[in-house]
Amino acid sequence: MSSNIYVGNLSYDTTDDSLSAAFSQYGSVLSARVITDRMTGRSRGFGFVEMEDNGEAQAAISALNGSSLDGRDLKVNEAKPREARPPRRW
């Protein structure tokens, strides 16, 4: 079963590839995504990594939480399920 991981306090220089590389040391990464602002395309400072195995994900969380990536100390934990939001009205 796959596990979804939240990664916060990312540098604006961090890319999907560098995020994936950091987590791939601990197991198989299914996807790594740095969240960007829709208007500017600039990183919003957080992202998500999906790992194939829950045990590998826990090892990555333990090892990378508080570690440095691109000059920033990461905040890494298990992602919470996305809450349903009411549709926006324009």
N, C-alpha and C. Protein backbone atom coordinates (compact mmCIF):
# COMPACT_ATOMS: atom_id res chain seq x y z
N MET A 1 0.84 -1.19 0.00
CA MET A 1 0.00 0.00 0.00
C MET A 1 0.88 1.25 0.00
N SER A 2 0.53 2.22 -0.81
CA SER A 2 1.34 3.43 -0.90
C SER A 2 1.04 4.39 0.25
N SER A 3 1.99 5.27 0.49
CA SER A 3 1.88 6.23 1.58
C SER A 3 2.16 7.62 1.04
N ASN A 4 1.35 8.60 1.45
CA ASN A 4 1.51 9.98 1.00
C ASN A 4 2.17 10.79 2.10
N ILE A 5 3.20 11.56 1.75
CA ILE A 5 4.01 12.31 2.72
C ILE A 5 3.96 13.79 2.40
N TYR A 6 3.75 14.60 3.44
CA TYR A 6 3.80 16.06 3.31
C TYR A 6 5.22 16.52 3.60
N VAL A 7 5.74 17.43 2.78
CA VAL A 7 7.08 17.99 2.98
C VAL A 7 6.94 19.51 2.99
N GLY A 8 7.24 20.13 4.13
CA GLY A 8 7.11 21.57 4.26
C GLY A 8 8.45 22.26 4.40
N ASN A 9 8.42 23.59 4.32
CA ASN A 9 9.58 24.46 4.44
C ASN A 9 10.59 24.22 3.31
N LEU A 10 10.07 23.97 2.11
CA LEU A 10 10.94 23.76 0.95
C LEU A 10 11.50 25.09 0.45
N SER A 11 12.70 25.04 -0.06
CA SER A 11 13.32 26.19 -0.70
C SER A 11 12.60 26.45 -2.03
N TYR A 12 12.61 27.71 -2.48
CA TYR A 12 12.03 28.03 -3.77
C TYR A 12 12.82 27.38 -4.91
N ASP A 13 14.05 26.93 -4.63
CA ASP A 13 14.89 26.29 -5.63
C ASP A 13 14.65 24.79 -5.76
N THR A 14 13.90 24.20 -4.83
CA THR A 14 13.66 22.76 -4.86
C THR A 14 12.72 22.41 -6.01
N THR A 15 13.09 21.35 -6.74
CA THR A 15 12.29 20.89 -7.87
C THR A 15 11.69 19.52 -7.55
N ASP A 16 10.77 19.08 -8.40
CA ASP A 16 10.18 17.74 -8.25
C ASP A 16 11.29 16.69 -8.25
N ASP A 17 12.27 16.85 -9.15
CA ASP A 17 13.36 15.88 -9.28
C ASP A 17 14.24 15.83 -8.04
N SER A 18 14.59 16.99 -7.49
CA SER A 18 15.45 16.99 -6.31
C SER A 18 14.71 16.45 -5.09
N LEU A 19 13.41 16.70 -5.01
CA LEU A 19 12.59 16.16 -3.92
C LEU A 19 12.52 14.64 -4.03
N SER A 20 12.31 14.15 -5.23
CA SER A 20 12.27 12.71 -5.48
C SER A 20 13.61 12.06 -5.13
N ALA A 21 14.71 12.70 -5.52
CA ALA A 21 16.04 12.16 -5.24
C ALA A 21 16.30 12.04 -3.74
N ALA A 22 15.85 13.02 -2.96
CA ALA A 22 16.06 12.98 -1.51
C ALA A 22 15.32 11.80 -0.88
N PHE A 23 14.11 11.52 -1.36
CA PHE A 23 13.31 10.44 -0.78
C PHE A 23 13.66 9.07 -1.35
N SER A 24 14.20 9.02 -2.56
CA SER A 24 14.50 7.72 -3.19
C SER A 24 15.62 6.98 -2.46
N GLN A 25 16.37 7.67 -1.60
CA GLN A 25 17.38 6.99 -0.80
C GLN A 25 16.76 5.99 0.18
N TYR A 26 15.48 6.17 0.47
CA TYR A 26 14.81 5.36 1.49
C TYR A 26 13.82 4.36 0.90
N GLY A 27 13.62 4.39 -0.41
CA GLY A 27 12.73 3.42 -1.03
C GLY A 27 12.20 3.92 -2.36
N SER A 28 11.23 3.21 -2.87
CA SER A 28 10.66 3.49 -4.18
C SER A 28 9.68 4.66 -4.12
N VAL A 29 9.98 5.72 -4.88
CA VAL A 29 9.13 6.90 -4.93
C VAL A 29 8.21 6.79 -6.15
N LEU A 30 6.90 6.83 -5.91
CA LEU A 30 5.94 6.79 -7.00
C LEU A 30 5.77 8.15 -7.64
N SER A 31 5.74 9.21 -6.81
CA SER A 31 5.65 10.58 -7.35
C SER A 31 6.18 11.56 -6.32
N ALA A 32 6.68 12.67 -6.80
CA ALA A 32 7.14 13.77 -5.95
C ALA A 32 6.71 15.06 -6.64
N ARG A 33 6.02 15.92 -5.89
CA ARG A 33 5.46 17.11 -6.50
C ARG A 33 5.63 18.32 -5.58
N VAL A 34 6.28 19.35 -6.08
CA VAL A 34 6.38 20.63 -5.38
C VAL A 34 5.17 21.44 -5.81
N ILE A 35 4.40 21.94 -4.86
CA ILE A 35 3.19 22.70 -5.16
C ILE A 35 3.58 24.13 -5.55
N THR A 36 3.01 24.59 -6.67
CA THR A 36 3.34 25.92 -7.17
C THR A 36 2.09 26.81 -7.19
N ASP A 37 2.34 28.12 -7.15
CA ASP A 37 1.28 29.11 -7.23
C ASP A 37 0.74 29.14 -8.65
N ARG A 38 -0.57 29.17 -8.81
CA ARG A 38 -1.17 29.15 -10.14
C ARG A 38 -0.84 30.39 -10.96
N MET A 39 -0.78 31.52 -10.29
CA MET A 39 -0.57 32.78 -11.01
C MET A 39 0.90 32.99 -11.40
N THR A 40 1.81 32.73 -10.46
CA THR A 40 3.23 33.04 -10.71
C THR A 40 4.05 31.84 -11.14
N GLY A 41 3.58 30.63 -10.84
CA GLY A 41 4.35 29.43 -11.15
C GLY A 41 5.47 29.16 -10.15
N ARG A 42 5.58 30.01 -9.14
CA ARG A 42 6.64 29.88 -8.13
C ARG A 42 6.22 28.89 -7.04
N SER A 43 7.18 28.20 -6.47
CA SER A 43 6.92 27.23 -5.41
C SER A 43 6.20 27.89 -4.24
N ARG A 44 5.27 27.17 -3.64
CA ARG A 44 4.57 27.67 -2.45
C ARG A 44 5.27 27.23 -1.17
N GLY A 45 6.38 26.49 -1.30
CA GLY A 45 7.18 26.12 -0.13
C GLY A 45 6.82 24.79 0.49
N PHE A 46 5.97 24.01 -0.19
CA PHE A 46 5.66 22.68 0.31
C PHE A 46 5.39 21.75 -0.86
N GLY A 47 5.36 20.46 -0.55
CA GLY A 47 5.11 19.47 -1.59
C GLY A 47 4.66 18.16 -1.01
N PHE A 48 4.46 17.18 -1.88
CA PHE A 48 4.01 15.86 -1.47
C PHE A 48 4.82 14.80 -2.19
N VAL A 49 5.11 13.73 -1.46
CA VAL A 49 5.83 12.59 -2.03
C VAL A 49 4.98 11.35 -1.75
N GLU A 50 4.80 10.53 -2.77
CA GLU A 50 4.09 9.27 -2.61
C GLU A 50 5.10 8.14 -2.73
N MET A 51 5.16 7.31 -1.69
CA MET A 51 6.10 6.18 -1.70
C MET A 51 5.32 4.88 -1.75
N GLU A 52 5.92 3.88 -2.38
CA GLU A 52 5.24 2.61 -2.62
C GLU A 52 4.98 1.83 -1.33
N ASP A 53 5.94 1.79 -0.43
CA ASP A 53 5.84 0.95 0.76
C ASP A 53 5.71 1.84 2.01
N ASN A 54 4.77 1.50 2.89
CA ASN A 54 4.54 2.28 4.10
C ASN A 54 5.75 2.24 5.05
N GLY A 55 6.44 1.13 5.14
CA GLY A 55 7.63 1.02 5.98
C GLY A 55 8.75 1.92 5.50
N GLU A 56 8.94 1.96 4.18
CA GLU A 56 9.95 2.84 3.60
C GLU A 56 9.57 4.30 3.82
N ALA A 57 8.28 4.60 3.73
CA ALA A 57 7.80 5.97 3.95
C ALA A 57 8.08 6.41 5.39
N GLN A 58 7.84 5.53 6.35
CA GLN A 58 8.10 5.86 7.75
C GLN A 58 9.59 6.09 7.99
N ALA A 59 10.43 5.28 7.34
CA ALA A 59 11.88 5.46 7.46
C ALA A 59 12.30 6.81 6.89
N ALA A 60 11.72 7.20 5.75
CA ALA A 60 12.04 8.48 5.13
C ALA A 60 11.58 9.64 6.01
N ILE A 61 10.40 9.53 6.58
CA ILE A 61 9.88 10.58 7.47
C ILE A 61 10.81 10.76 8.66
N SER A 62 11.19 9.67 9.29
CA SER A 62 12.08 9.73 10.46
C SER A 62 13.44 10.34 10.11
N ALA A 63 13.97 9.94 8.96
CA ALA A 63 15.31 10.39 8.58
C ALA A 63 15.33 11.83 8.08
N LEU A 64 14.31 12.24 7.35
CA LEU A 64 14.35 13.54 6.68
C LEU A 64 13.71 14.68 7.47
N ASN A 65 12.88 14.38 8.45
CA ASN A 65 12.27 15.45 9.25
C ASN A 65 13.37 16.20 10.01
N GLY A 66 13.49 17.50 9.76
CA GLY A 66 14.53 18.31 10.39
C GLY A 66 15.84 18.35 9.63
N SER A 67 15.96 17.52 8.58
CA SER A 67 17.20 17.53 7.80
C SER A 67 17.18 18.70 6.81
N SER A 68 18.32 18.99 6.22
CA SER A 68 18.45 20.13 5.32
C SER A 68 18.38 19.70 3.86
N LEU A 69 17.62 20.45 3.06
CA LEU A 69 17.55 20.25 1.62
C LEU A 69 17.56 21.63 0.98
N ASP A 70 18.51 21.89 0.12
CA ASP A 70 18.65 23.19 -0.55
C ASP A 70 18.70 24.35 0.45
N GLY A 71 19.36 24.10 1.59
CA GLY A 71 19.56 25.16 2.58
C GLY A 71 18.41 25.40 3.53
N ARG A 72 17.38 24.58 3.52
CA ARG A 72 16.23 24.74 4.41
C ARG A 72 16.03 23.47 5.22
N ASP A 73 15.63 23.60 6.50
CA ASP A 73 15.32 22.45 7.34
C ASP A 73 13.90 22.00 7.04
N LEU A 74 13.76 20.75 6.61
CA LEU A 74 12.47 20.22 6.18
C LEU A 74 11.56 19.88 7.35
N LYS A 75 10.28 20.01 7.12
CA LYS A 75 9.25 19.50 8.03
C LYS A 75 8.55 18.39 7.26
N VAL A 76 8.73 17.16 7.74
CA VAL A 76 8.22 16.00 7.01
C VAL A 76 7.31 15.19 7.92
N ASN A 77 6.09 14.91 7.45
CA ASN A 77 5.19 14.03 8.19
C ASN A 77 4.19 13.40 7.24
N GLU A 78 3.40 12.49 7.78
CA GLU A 78 2.40 11.81 6.96
C GLU A 78 1.33 12.82 6.55
N ALA A 79 0.97 12.81 5.28
CA ALA A 79 -0.03 13.76 4.78
C ALA A 79 -1.41 13.38 5.29
N LYS A 80 -2.18 14.39 5.64
CA LYS A 80 -3.57 14.17 6.07
C LYS A 80 -4.43 14.06 4.82
N PRO A 81 -5.51 13.29 4.90
CA PRO A 81 -6.40 13.19 3.73
C PRO A 81 -6.98 14.56 3.38
N ARG A 82 -7.15 14.80 2.12
CA ARG A 82 -7.69 16.08 1.66
C ARG A 82 -9.16 16.18 2.04
N GLU A 83 -9.52 17.29 2.65
CA GLU A 83 -10.91 17.50 3.06
C GLU A 83 -11.72 18.02 1.88
N ALA A 84 -12.97 17.59 1.83
CA ALA A 84 -13.86 18.07 0.78
C ALA A 84 -14.24 19.52 1.06
N ARG A 85 -14.19 20.33 0.03
CA ARG A 85 -14.56 21.74 0.16
C ARG A 85 -15.80 22.02 -0.69
N PRO A 86 -16.61 22.94 -0.24
CA PRO A 86 -17.75 23.30 -1.10
C PRO A 86 -17.25 23.99 -2.36
N PRO A 87 -17.99 23.88 -3.46
CA PRO A 87 -17.56 24.52 -4.70
C PRO A 87 -17.50 26.05 -4.53
N ARG A 88 -16.53 26.67 -5.20
CA ARG A 88 -16.39 28.12 -5.15
C ARG A 88 -17.39 28.76 -6.09
N ARG A 89 -17.94 29.86 -5.66
CA ARG A 89 -18.86 30.62 -6.51
C ARG A 89 -18.15 31.85 -7.02
N TRP A 90 -18.31 32.13 -8.26
CA TRP A 90 -17.69 33.31 -8.86
C TRP A 90 -18.72 34.33 -9.05
